[in-house]
């Protein structure tokens, strides 16, 4: 029972870590997408100014000591601010779990539970692939809506471009690419764990 709990906490840690790493990777990713999709032209401002506003948004979302969102050139409605507050809360949870669950992961490795749950690792590696398959089958736009309806209990995430123009420079493709980054990071972490377990098994037998 204890080992199963550690395995479950390790899975939760990997998910939280994958989310956290994806959040930080999204910063340079947006810089690339600014060029790919000419987002500065969409916003009718310079690339430098758009980048400044995006960094202001991300600083609010990832910095626990920033309590108010202010983007110099993008106004925000009360509904938009509420949504970003909820997103920040989820980000803080992911960051917190990725830190406080490190001991569970260390214990998982120290006690060689990679050997005990070697087959289990293969199963959890299939989860994001299955989710990605569903997103591909139903279309990312429908998956995106379902994802938000699952995480948020209100419709504050349905931004109105006239009151929250920041949504104009956060296209669906950007969110799709961050989702793909999450899948890649998640799979990579579990693959390294699975590979480590395979090496242990070869040494043992």
Protein backbone atom coordinates (compact mmCIF):
# COMPACT_ATOMS: atom_id res chain seq x y z
CA UNK A 1 0.00 0.00 0.00
CA UNK A 2 2.80 2.40 0.89
CA UNK A 3 4.64 1.68 -2.36
CA UNK A 4 1.47 2.30 -4.37
CA UNK A 5 1.03 5.62 -2.61
CA UNK A 6 4.61 6.61 -3.45
CA UNK A 7 4.04 5.56 -7.07
CA UNK A 8 0.86 7.64 -7.23
CA UNK A 9 2.60 10.67 -5.72
CA UNK A 10 5.47 10.24 -8.18
CA UNK A 11 3.01 10.30 -11.09
CA UNK A 12 1.45 13.46 -9.64
CA UNK A 13 4.94 14.96 -9.31
CA UNK A 14 5.76 14.24 -12.94
CA UNK A 15 2.48 15.84 -14.06
CA UNK A 16 3.13 18.93 -11.91
CA UNK A 17 6.73 19.17 -13.08
CA UNK A 18 5.69 18.78 -16.72
CA UNK A 19 3.12 21.56 -16.33
CA UNK A 20 5.68 23.79 -14.59
CA UNK A 21 8.34 23.27 -17.24
CA UNK A 22 5.79 23.86 -19.99
CA UNK A 23 4.80 27.17 -18.42
CA UNK A 24 8.38 28.41 -18.56
CA UNK A 25 8.98 27.01 -22.05
CA UNK A 26 5.88 28.93 -23.17
CA UNK A 27 7.81 32.18 -22.71
CA UNK A 28 10.39 31.66 -25.48
CA UNK A 29 7.74 29.79 -27.47
CA UNK A 30 5.60 32.92 -27.58
CA UNK A 31 8.64 34.87 -28.77
CA UNK A 32 8.94 32.49 -31.71
CA UNK A 33 5.22 32.58 -32.44
CA UNK A 34 5.26 36.37 -32.50
CA UNK A 35 7.32 36.06 -35.66
CA UNK A 36 5.56 33.01 -37.13
CA UNK A 37 2.08 34.53 -36.89
CA UNK A 38 3.00 38.23 -37.16
CA UNK A 39 1.33 38.88 -33.81
CA UNK A 40 2.78 42.37 -33.54
CA UNK A 41 0.85 43.30 -36.68
CA UNK A 42 -2.28 41.76 -35.20
CA UNK A 43 -1.82 43.87 -32.06
CA UNK A 44 -0.89 46.94 -34.13
CA UNK A 45 2.19 47.62 -32.05
CA UNK A 46 5.91 46.95 -32.19
CA UNK A 47 7.26 43.50 -31.43
CA UNK A 48 9.20 44.96 -28.50
CA UNK A 49 6.05 46.44 -26.98
CA UNK A 50 4.07 43.24 -27.47
CA UNK A 51 6.88 41.25 -25.83
CA UNK A 52 6.88 43.67 -22.89
CA UNK A 53 3.16 43.13 -22.38
CA UNK A 54 3.45 39.35 -22.62
CA UNK A 55 6.26 39.34 -20.06
CA UNK A 56 4.06 41.45 -17.76
CA UNK A 57 1.33 38.85 -18.08
CA UNK A 58 3.70 35.94 -17.43
CA UNK A 59 5.35 37.73 -14.52
CA UNK A 60 1.95 38.03 -12.90
CA UNK A 61 1.10 34.38 -13.57
CA UNK A 62 4.35 32.83 -12.34
CA UNK A 63 5.48 35.25 -9.64
CA UNK A 64 3.72 34.61 -6.31
CA UNK A 65 4.73 38.06 -5.09
CA UNK A 66 2.90 39.93 -7.86
CA UNK A 67 -0.68 40.40 -6.78
CA UNK A 68 -2.06 42.60 -9.55
CA UNK A 69 -2.00 42.18 -13.32
CA UNK A 70 -1.10 45.26 -15.31
CA UNK A 71 -0.25 45.05 -18.99
CA UNK A 72 0.83 48.51 -20.23
CA UNK A 73 -0.98 48.35 -23.56
CA UNK A 74 -3.75 45.81 -23.00
CA UNK A 75 -6.77 46.66 -20.87
CA UNK A 76 -8.45 43.86 -18.95
CA UNK A 77 -12.08 43.43 -17.98
CA UNK A 78 -13.10 42.23 -14.51
CA UNK A 79 -13.98 38.89 -16.07
CA UNK A 80 -10.57 38.67 -17.77
CA UNK A 81 -8.78 39.53 -14.54
CA UNK A 82 -10.80 36.87 -12.73
CA UNK A 83 -9.73 34.25 -15.25
CA UNK A 84 -6.07 35.18 -15.01
CA UNK A 85 -6.35 35.01 -11.22
CA UNK A 86 -7.71 31.47 -11.53
CA UNK A 87 -4.93 30.54 -13.96
CA UNK A 88 -2.34 31.94 -11.55
CA UNK A 89 -3.82 29.82 -8.76
CA UNK A 90 -3.47 26.68 -10.89
CA UNK A 91 0.11 27.63 -11.76
CA UNK A 92 0.95 28.07 -8.08
CA UNK A 93 -0.52 24.64 -7.32
CA UNK A 94 1.62 23.07 -10.07
CA UNK A 95 4.76 24.83 -8.81
CA UNK A 96 4.00 23.86 -5.22
CA UNK A 97 3.40 20.19 -6.03
CA UNK A 98 6.54 20.00 -8.13
CA UNK A 99 8.49 21.07 -5.05
CA UNK A 100 6.79 19.34 -2.15
CA UNK A 101 6.55 15.99 -3.94
CA UNK A 102 10.28 15.77 -4.69
CA UNK A 103 10.82 13.53 -1.61
CA UNK A 104 8.29 11.04 -3.01
CA UNK A 105 10.21 10.88 -6.29
CA UNK A 106 13.55 10.52 -4.48
CA UNK A 107 12.11 7.72 -2.37
CA UNK A 108 10.72 6.09 -5.52
CA UNK A 109 14.22 5.95 -6.98
CA UNK A 110 16.03 5.16 -3.73
CA UNK A 111 13.83 2.13 -2.99
CA UNK A 112 14.14 0.93 -6.60
CA UNK A 113 10.38 1.06 -7.07
CA UNK A 114 11.15 1.48 -10.76
CA UNK A 115 11.49 -2.30 -10.75
CA UNK A 116 8.21 -2.89 -8.93
CA UNK A 117 6.20 -0.53 -11.12
CA UNK A 118 8.09 -0.99 -14.37
CA UNK A 119 4.97 -2.10 -16.23
CA UNK A 120 2.98 0.65 -14.54
CA UNK A 121 5.30 3.23 -16.05
CA UNK A 122 4.45 1.93 -19.50
CA UNK A 123 0.77 2.39 -18.77
CA UNK A 124 1.06 5.98 -17.54
CA UNK A 125 3.16 6.80 -20.60
CA UNK A 126 0.12 5.94 -22.72
CA UNK A 127 -2.21 8.39 -20.96
CA UNK A 128 -1.08 11.60 -22.71
CA UNK A 129 -0.90 9.78 -26.04
CA UNK A 130 -4.53 8.76 -25.57
CA UNK A 131 -5.47 12.35 -24.67
CA UNK A 132 -3.57 13.61 -27.70
CA UNK A 133 -5.42 11.09 -29.84
CA UNK A 134 -8.76 12.34 -28.54
CA UNK A 135 -7.74 15.95 -29.25
CA UNK A 136 -6.79 14.97 -32.80
CA UNK A 137 -10.06 13.07 -33.37
CA UNK A 138 -12.43 15.75 -32.10
CA UNK A 139 -10.31 18.73 -33.14
CA UNK A 140 -8.16 20.87 -30.89
CA UNK A 141 -10.76 23.64 -30.72
CA UNK A 142 -13.36 21.30 -29.18
CA UNK A 143 -10.72 19.75 -26.94
CA UNK A 144 -9.67 23.24 -25.82
CA UNK A 145 -13.25 24.11 -24.88
CA UNK A 146 -13.75 20.81 -23.02
CA UNK A 147 -10.46 21.32 -21.17
CA UNK A 148 -11.52 24.76 -19.94
CA UNK A 149 -14.99 23.58 -18.97
CA UNK A 150 -13.35 20.86 -16.89
CA UNK A 151 -10.90 23.15 -15.10
CA UNK A 152 -13.03 26.27 -14.66
CA UNK A 153 -16.51 26.51 -13.19
CA UNK A 154 -17.42 29.74 -14.96
CA UNK A 155 -17.24 31.28 -18.42
CA UNK A 156 -14.64 33.94 -17.56
CA UNK A 157 -12.23 32.20 -19.94
CA UNK A 158 -14.47 33.18 -22.89
CA UNK A 159 -12.62 36.41 -23.58
CA UNK A 160 -14.27 39.22 -25.51
CA UNK A 161 -11.60 40.75 -27.80
CA UNK A 162 -13.17 44.20 -27.40
CA UNK A 163 -12.68 44.22 -23.62
CA UNK A 164 -9.71 41.83 -23.36
CA UNK A 165 -7.68 42.39 -26.55
CA UNK A 166 -4.81 40.24 -25.22
CA UNK A 167 -6.73 37.24 -26.55
CA UNK A 168 -6.07 38.46 -30.10
CA UNK A 169 -2.35 37.69 -29.69
CA UNK A 170 -2.90 34.35 -27.95
CA UNK A 171 -4.09 32.30 -30.92
CA UNK A 172 -5.33 28.74 -30.72
CA UNK A 173 -2.11 27.54 -32.36
CA UNK A 174 -0.10 28.88 -29.43
CA UNK A 175 -2.13 26.86 -26.94
CA UNK A 176 -1.95 23.80 -29.17
CA UNK A 177 1.83 24.07 -29.29
CA UNK A 178 2.09 24.45 -25.51
CA UNK A 179 -0.09 21.35 -25.16
CA UNK A 180 2.29 19.46 -27.46
CA UNK A 181 5.23 20.70 -25.38
CA UNK A 182 3.55 19.34 -22.25
CA UNK A 183 3.05 15.95 -23.89
CA UNK A 184 6.68 15.88 -24.97
CA UNK A 185 8.05 16.84 -21.54
CA UNK A 186 5.76 14.36 -19.78
CA UNK A 187 6.75 11.53 -22.11
CA UNK A 188 10.44 12.39 -21.86
CA UNK A 189 10.46 12.31 -18.06
CA UNK A 190 8.64 8.99 -17.89
CA UNK A 191 10.78 7.54 -20.67
CA UNK A 192 13.93 8.36 -18.71
CA UNK A 193 12.42 6.74 -15.62
CA UNK A 194 11.37 3.68 -17.61
CA UNK A 195 14.80 3.44 -19.24
CA UNK A 196 16.46 3.66 -15.84
CA UNK A 197 14.24 0.84 -14.60
CA UNK A 198 15.14 -1.25 -17.66
CA UNK A 199 18.85 -0.81 -16.91
CA UNK A 200 18.26 -1.85 -13.27
CA UNK A 201 16.47 -4.98 -14.43
CA UNK A 202 19.30 -5.92 -16.77
CA UNK A 203 21.84 -5.53 -13.98
CA UNK A 204 19.69 -7.54 -11.60
CA UNK A 205 19.11 -10.42 -13.97
